[in-house]
């Protein structure tokens, strides 16, 4: 049990930047998976709230635009310290994994996919 996080891509646009995407006919493509990267969760929750999200940030996706990826890349070494009962702690190796995920997400956007972050705890 714990915090599971994903960056995914899909061919269809999302209904809104913060609406749960129903699986498309071919399903969504996983670009990255994290486990207990608590500080990324905190950063993504702030993004979710900035885009109008009001629900508890659990199983609530948030769209990632090119600007969002730029912002995440700028902040990746200084993500907000985040805690939660199931969250664990971010590790130093999460920085490189986050950068790799950003690169994959940028390629997906370039190829016309919609990219989003989702998590479950």
N, C-alpha and C. Protein backbone atom coordinates (compact mmCIF):
# COMPACT_ATOMS: atom_id res chain seq x y z
N UNK A 1 0.85 -1.17 0.00
CA UNK A 1 0.00 0.00 0.00
C UNK A 1 0.89 1.24 0.00
N UNK A 2 0.49 2.24 -0.73
CA UNK A 2 1.26 3.47 -0.77
C UNK A 2 0.95 4.28 -2.00
N UNK A 3 1.70 5.30 -2.20
CA UNK A 3 1.49 6.25 -3.28
C UNK A 3 2.04 5.70 -4.60
N UNK A 4 1.17 5.48 -5.56
CA UNK A 4 1.54 5.07 -6.92
C UNK A 4 1.20 6.23 -7.85
N UNK A 5 2.15 6.58 -8.73
CA UNK A 5 2.00 7.76 -9.58
C UNK A 5 2.36 7.41 -11.01
N UNK A 6 1.67 8.04 -11.94
CA UNK A 6 1.85 7.74 -13.36
C UNK A 6 1.81 9.01 -14.19
N UNK A 7 2.60 9.03 -15.23
CA UNK A 7 2.43 10.01 -16.29
C UNK A 7 2.01 9.20 -17.49
N UNK A 8 0.86 9.57 -18.06
CA UNK A 8 0.26 8.81 -19.14
C UNK A 8 -0.02 9.71 -20.34
N UNK A 9 -0.23 9.07 -21.48
CA UNK A 9 -0.59 9.81 -22.70
C UNK A 9 -1.76 9.12 -23.35
N UNK A 10 -2.56 9.91 -24.05
CA UNK A 10 -3.71 9.37 -24.78
C UNK A 10 -3.90 10.16 -26.06
N UNK A 11 -4.51 9.55 -27.03
CA UNK A 11 -4.73 10.21 -28.33
C UNK A 11 -5.83 11.27 -28.25
N UNK A 12 -6.87 11.00 -27.48
CA UNK A 12 -8.00 11.93 -27.41
C UNK A 12 -7.72 13.04 -26.40
N UNK A 13 -8.26 14.22 -26.65
CA UNK A 13 -8.12 15.28 -25.65
C UNK A 13 -8.93 14.94 -24.40
N UNK A 14 -8.54 15.51 -23.28
CA UNK A 14 -9.27 15.33 -22.04
C UNK A 14 -10.49 16.24 -22.04
N UNK A 15 -11.58 15.85 -21.36
CA UNK A 15 -12.77 16.70 -21.28
C UNK A 15 -12.48 18.04 -20.60
N UNK A 16 -11.53 18.05 -19.66
CA UNK A 16 -11.07 19.28 -19.01
C UNK A 16 -9.69 18.98 -18.43
N UNK A 17 -8.96 19.99 -17.99
CA UNK A 17 -7.62 19.74 -17.45
C UNK A 17 -7.60 18.90 -16.17
N UNK A 18 -8.75 18.76 -15.49
CA UNK A 18 -8.77 18.05 -14.21
C UNK A 18 -9.93 17.06 -14.11
N UNK A 19 -10.30 16.42 -15.21
CA UNK A 19 -11.37 15.44 -15.20
C UNK A 19 -10.80 14.05 -15.42
N UNK A 20 -11.29 13.08 -14.66
CA UNK A 20 -10.81 11.70 -14.84
C UNK A 20 -11.02 11.24 -16.27
N UNK A 21 -9.95 10.85 -16.96
CA UNK A 21 -10.10 10.40 -18.34
C UNK A 21 -10.55 8.96 -18.40
N UNK A 22 -11.66 8.72 -19.08
CA UNK A 22 -12.08 7.34 -19.30
C UNK A 22 -11.13 6.73 -20.31
N UNK A 23 -10.89 5.45 -20.16
CA UNK A 23 -9.98 4.77 -21.08
C UNK A 23 -10.50 4.90 -22.51
N UNK A 24 -9.59 5.24 -23.41
CA UNK A 24 -9.94 5.31 -24.82
C UNK A 24 -10.05 3.91 -25.42
N UNK A 25 -10.43 3.80 -26.66
CA UNK A 25 -10.61 2.49 -27.27
C UNK A 25 -9.34 1.65 -27.27
N UNK A 26 -8.18 2.28 -27.37
CA UNK A 26 -6.92 1.55 -27.35
C UNK A 26 -6.22 1.68 -26.01
N UNK A 27 -6.86 2.32 -25.06
CA UNK A 27 -6.24 2.53 -23.76
C UNK A 27 -5.22 3.66 -23.79
N UNK A 28 -4.74 3.99 -22.63
CA UNK A 28 -3.75 5.04 -22.50
C UNK A 28 -2.36 4.42 -22.41
N UNK A 29 -1.36 5.18 -22.80
CA UNK A 29 0.01 4.72 -22.80
C UNK A 29 0.73 5.25 -21.56
N UNK A 30 1.40 4.38 -20.83
CA UNK A 30 2.17 4.80 -19.67
C UNK A 30 3.51 5.32 -20.14
N UNK A 31 3.84 6.52 -19.72
CA UNK A 31 5.14 7.11 -20.04
C UNK A 31 6.12 6.95 -18.87
N UNK A 32 5.59 7.01 -17.65
CA UNK A 32 6.44 6.89 -16.47
C UNK A 32 5.60 6.43 -15.29
N UNK A 33 6.27 5.77 -14.37
CA UNK A 33 5.64 5.34 -13.13
C UNK A 33 6.57 5.66 -11.98
N UNK A 34 6.00 6.16 -10.89
CA UNK A 34 6.76 6.46 -9.69
C UNK A 34 6.10 5.75 -8.52
N UNK A 35 6.88 5.52 -7.50
CA UNK A 35 6.37 4.92 -6.27
C UNK A 35 6.88 5.74 -5.10
N UNK A 36 5.94 6.36 -4.40
CA UNK A 36 6.23 7.14 -3.20
C UNK A 36 7.20 8.31 -3.46
N UNK A 37 6.98 9.01 -4.56
CA UNK A 37 7.72 10.25 -4.87
C UNK A 37 6.84 11.39 -4.33
N UNK A 38 6.85 11.52 -3.01
CA UNK A 38 5.93 12.42 -2.31
C UNK A 38 6.02 13.86 -2.78
N UNK A 39 7.23 14.34 -3.03
CA UNK A 39 7.39 15.75 -3.41
C UNK A 39 6.80 16.03 -4.78
N UNK A 40 6.86 15.06 -5.69
CA UNK A 40 6.21 15.22 -6.99
C UNK A 40 4.69 15.30 -6.80
N UNK A 41 4.18 14.50 -5.89
CA UNK A 41 2.74 14.53 -5.60
C UNK A 41 2.32 15.92 -5.12
N UNK A 42 3.11 16.51 -4.25
CA UNK A 42 2.80 17.86 -3.76
C UNK A 42 2.81 18.88 -4.87
N UNK A 43 3.79 18.78 -5.77
CA UNK A 43 3.88 19.71 -6.90
C UNK A 43 2.67 19.54 -7.82
N UNK A 44 2.32 18.29 -8.09
CA UNK A 44 1.18 18.02 -8.98
C UNK A 44 -0.14 18.44 -8.34
N UNK A 45 -0.26 18.29 -7.04
CA UNK A 45 -1.49 18.75 -6.39
C UNK A 45 -1.63 20.26 -6.51
N UNK A 46 -0.54 20.99 -6.37
CA UNK A 46 -0.60 22.45 -6.53
C UNK A 46 -1.03 22.80 -7.97
N UNK A 47 -0.52 22.05 -8.94
CA UNK A 47 -0.92 22.27 -10.34
C UNK A 47 -2.40 21.97 -10.52
N UNK A 48 -2.86 20.87 -9.95
CA UNK A 48 -4.27 20.47 -10.01
C UNK A 48 -5.16 21.58 -9.45
N UNK A 49 -4.78 22.13 -8.32
CA UNK A 49 -5.56 23.21 -7.70
C UNK A 49 -5.53 24.47 -8.58
N UNK A 50 -4.37 24.78 -9.15
CA UNK A 50 -4.25 25.96 -10.01
C UNK A 50 -5.12 25.85 -11.25
N UNK A 51 -5.37 24.62 -11.70
CA UNK A 51 -6.20 24.39 -12.89
C UNK A 51 -7.68 24.22 -12.54
N UNK A 52 -8.02 24.42 -11.28
CA UNK A 52 -9.42 24.39 -10.88
C UNK A 52 -9.87 23.15 -10.16
N UNK A 53 -8.98 22.22 -9.88
CA UNK A 53 -9.36 21.01 -9.17
C UNK A 53 -9.75 21.30 -7.73
N UNK A 54 -10.83 20.68 -7.27
CA UNK A 54 -11.33 20.93 -5.93
C UNK A 54 -11.47 19.66 -5.09
N UNK A 55 -11.37 18.50 -5.71
CA UNK A 55 -11.56 17.24 -4.99
C UNK A 55 -10.30 16.87 -4.21
N UNK A 56 -10.41 15.86 -3.34
CA UNK A 56 -9.22 15.31 -2.71
C UNK A 56 -8.31 14.80 -3.82
N UNK A 57 -7.03 15.10 -3.75
CA UNK A 57 -6.11 14.77 -4.84
C UNK A 57 -5.66 13.31 -4.73
N UNK A 58 -6.60 12.43 -5.04
CA UNK A 58 -6.37 10.99 -5.06
C UNK A 58 -7.22 10.46 -6.21
N UNK A 59 -6.59 9.83 -7.18
CA UNK A 59 -7.29 9.37 -8.39
C UNK A 59 -7.93 10.54 -9.13
N UNK A 60 -7.26 11.67 -9.09
CA UNK A 60 -7.71 12.87 -9.80
C UNK A 60 -6.60 13.28 -10.76
N UNK A 61 -6.78 13.04 -12.05
CA UNK A 61 -5.72 13.38 -13.00
C UNK A 61 -5.63 14.88 -13.25
N UNK A 62 -4.48 15.26 -13.76
CA UNK A 62 -4.27 16.65 -14.15
C UNK A 62 -3.48 16.65 -15.46
N UNK A 63 -3.99 17.40 -16.43
CA UNK A 63 -3.32 17.49 -17.72
C UNK A 63 -1.98 18.20 -17.58
N UNK A 64 -1.00 17.73 -18.35
CA UNK A 64 0.32 18.35 -18.37
C UNK A 64 0.58 18.94 -19.75
N UNK A 65 0.68 20.25 -19.80
CA UNK A 65 0.97 20.96 -21.05
C UNK A 65 2.48 21.15 -21.18
N UNK A 66 2.90 21.67 -22.30
CA UNK A 66 4.32 21.97 -22.51
C UNK A 66 4.81 22.95 -21.45
N UNK A 67 4.00 23.96 -21.13
CA UNK A 67 4.39 24.92 -20.09
C UNK A 67 4.51 24.24 -18.74
N UNK A 68 3.59 23.35 -18.42
CA UNK A 68 3.66 22.62 -17.14
C UNK A 68 4.96 21.82 -17.06
N UNK A 69 5.34 21.19 -18.16
CA UNK A 69 6.58 20.41 -18.18
C UNK A 69 7.80 21.31 -18.01
N UNK A 70 7.75 22.49 -18.63
CA UNK A 70 8.84 23.47 -18.45
C UNK A 70 8.95 23.87 -16.98
N UNK A 71 7.79 24.14 -16.37
CA UNK A 71 7.78 24.53 -14.96
C UNK A 71 8.29 23.40 -14.07
N UNK A 72 7.87 22.17 -14.35
CA UNK A 72 8.33 21.03 -13.56
C UNK A 72 9.84 20.85 -13.72
N UNK A 73 10.33 20.99 -14.93
CA UNK A 73 11.77 20.85 -15.14
C UNK A 73 12.55 21.92 -14.36
N UNK A 74 12.02 23.12 -14.34
CA UNK A 74 12.65 24.21 -13.58
C UNK A 74 12.67 23.90 -12.08
N UNK A 75 11.60 23.25 -11.60
CA UNK A 75 11.43 23.02 -10.16
C UNK A 75 11.93 21.65 -9.68
N UNK A 76 12.34 20.77 -10.60
CA UNK A 76 12.56 19.36 -10.26
C UNK A 76 13.52 19.16 -9.08
N UNK A 77 14.49 20.00 -8.91
CA UNK A 77 15.41 19.83 -7.78
C UNK A 77 14.93 20.52 -6.51
N UNK A 78 13.83 21.25 -6.61
CA UNK A 78 13.29 21.97 -5.46
C UNK A 78 11.79 21.78 -5.33
N UNK A 79 11.33 20.56 -5.50
CA UNK A 79 9.90 20.27 -5.33
C UNK A 79 9.53 20.50 -3.87
N UNK A 80 8.28 20.89 -3.61
CA UNK A 80 7.89 21.18 -2.23
C UNK A 80 7.92 19.91 -1.37
N UNK A 81 8.49 20.01 -0.19
CA UNK A 81 8.48 18.87 0.73
C UNK A 81 7.03 18.52 1.03
N UNK A 82 6.68 17.27 0.78
CA UNK A 82 5.30 16.83 0.92
C UNK A 82 5.25 15.57 1.76
N UNK A 83 4.28 15.50 2.66
CA UNK A 83 4.09 14.32 3.48
C UNK A 83 2.65 13.84 3.38
N UNK A 84 2.46 12.61 3.67
CA UNK A 84 1.14 12.00 3.71
C UNK A 84 1.28 10.60 4.27
N UNK A 85 0.25 10.07 4.84
CA UNK A 85 0.32 8.78 5.52
C UNK A 85 0.87 7.67 4.63
N UNK A 86 0.45 7.64 3.37
CA UNK A 86 0.88 6.58 2.45
C UNK A 86 1.97 7.04 1.48
N UNK A 87 2.50 8.25 1.65
CA UNK A 87 3.33 8.86 0.61
C UNK A 87 4.78 8.42 0.61
N UNK A 88 5.33 8.00 1.72
CA UNK A 88 6.75 7.71 1.77
C UNK A 88 7.54 9.02 1.63
N UNK A 89 8.77 8.90 1.13
CA UNK A 89 9.62 10.07 0.96
C UNK A 89 10.29 10.04 -0.41
N UNK A 90 10.40 11.20 -1.03
CA UNK A 90 11.13 11.29 -2.28
C UNK A 90 12.60 10.99 -2.03
N UNK A 91 13.23 10.40 -3.02
CA UNK A 91 14.65 10.04 -2.95
C UNK A 91 15.44 10.84 -3.98
N UNK A 92 16.74 10.92 -3.81
CA UNK A 92 17.60 11.64 -4.75
C UNK A 92 17.45 11.09 -6.17
N UNK A 93 17.31 9.77 -6.30
CA UNK A 93 17.18 9.16 -7.64
C UNK A 93 15.88 9.56 -8.34
N UNK A 94 14.90 10.09 -7.60
CA UNK A 94 13.65 10.53 -8.21
C UNK A 94 13.85 11.73 -9.12
N UNK A 95 14.91 12.51 -8.89
CA UNK A 95 15.17 13.68 -9.74
C UNK A 95 15.46 13.23 -11.17
N UNK A 96 16.36 12.27 -11.33
CA UNK A 96 16.70 11.77 -12.67
C UNK A 96 15.49 11.09 -13.31
N UNK A 97 14.73 10.33 -12.53
CA UNK A 97 13.54 9.67 -13.07
C UNK A 97 12.49 10.68 -13.52
N UNK A 98 12.37 11.78 -12.78
CA UNK A 98 11.42 12.82 -13.16
C UNK A 98 11.88 13.51 -14.45
N UNK A 99 13.16 13.76 -14.57
CA UNK A 99 13.68 14.37 -15.81
C UNK A 99 13.44 13.45 -17.01
N UNK A 100 13.64 12.16 -16.83
CA UNK A 100 13.39 11.20 -17.92
C UNK A 100 11.91 11.19 -18.29
N UNK A 101 11.03 11.28 -17.30
CA UNK A 101 9.60 11.32 -17.57
C UNK A 101 9.21 12.59 -18.32
N UNK A 102 9.81 13.70 -17.96
CA UNK A 102 9.55 14.97 -18.66
C UNK A 102 9.94 14.84 -20.13
N UNK A 103 11.09 14.25 -20.40
CA UNK A 103 11.55 14.07 -21.78
C UNK A 103 10.56 13.20 -22.57
N UNK A 104 10.09 12.11 -21.99
CA UNK A 104 9.12 11.24 -22.66
C UNK A 104 7.80 11.99 -22.90
N UNK A 105 7.38 12.76 -21.90
CA UNK A 105 6.13 13.52 -22.04
C UNK A 105 6.23 14.56 -23.14
N UNK A 106 7.37 15.21 -23.25
CA UNK A 106 7.56 16.20 -24.32
C UNK A 106 7.48 15.55 -25.70
N UNK A 107 8.07 14.37 -25.83
CA UNK A 107 7.99 13.65 -27.11
C UNK A 107 6.54 13.29 -27.44
N UNK A 108 5.80 12.85 -26.44
CA UNK A 108 4.39 12.50 -26.66
C UNK A 108 3.60 13.73 -27.09
N UNK A 109 3.81 14.86 -26.44
CA UNK A 109 3.13 16.10 -26.83
C UNK A 109 3.49 16.47 -28.26
N UNK A 110 4.76 16.38 -28.59
CA UNK A 110 5.22 16.70 -29.95
C UNK A 110 4.52 15.83 -30.98
N UNK A 111 4.25 14.59 -30.61
CA UNK A 111 3.60 13.65 -31.53
C UNK A 111 2.07 13.73 -31.50
N UNK A 112 1.53 14.73 -30.80
CA UNK A 112 0.09 14.96 -30.82
C UNK A 112 -0.71 14.27 -29.73
N UNK A 113 -0.05 13.66 -28.76
CA UNK A 113 -0.75 13.02 -27.66
C UNK A 113 -1.12 14.04 -26.60
N UNK A 114 -2.13 13.73 -25.79
CA UNK A 114 -2.46 14.49 -24.59
C UNK A 114 -1.77 13.78 -23.43
N UNK A 115 -1.11 14.54 -22.57
CA UNK A 115 -0.34 13.96 -21.47
C UNK A 115 -0.98 14.38 -20.15
N UNK A 116 -1.01 13.45 -19.19
CA UNK A 116 -1.55 13.78 -17.88
C UNK A 116 -0.86 12.98 -16.79
N UNK A 117 -1.00 13.47 -15.57
CA UNK A 117 -0.48 12.83 -14.36
C UNK A 117 -1.65 12.27 -13.60
N UNK A 118 -1.46 11.11 -13.01
CA UNK A 118 -2.49 10.48 -12.19
C UNK A 118 -1.81 9.78 -11.04
N UNK A 119 -2.50 9.66 -9.93
CA UNK A 119 -1.92 8.99 -8.77
C UNK A 119 -3.03 8.31 -7.97
N UNK A 120 -2.57 7.39 -7.14
CA UNK A 120 -3.50 6.64 -6.29
C UNK A 120 -2.78 6.30 -5.00
N UNK A 121 -3.43 6.53 -3.87
CA UNK A 121 -2.85 6.16 -2.59
C UNK A 121 -3.91 5.56 -1.69
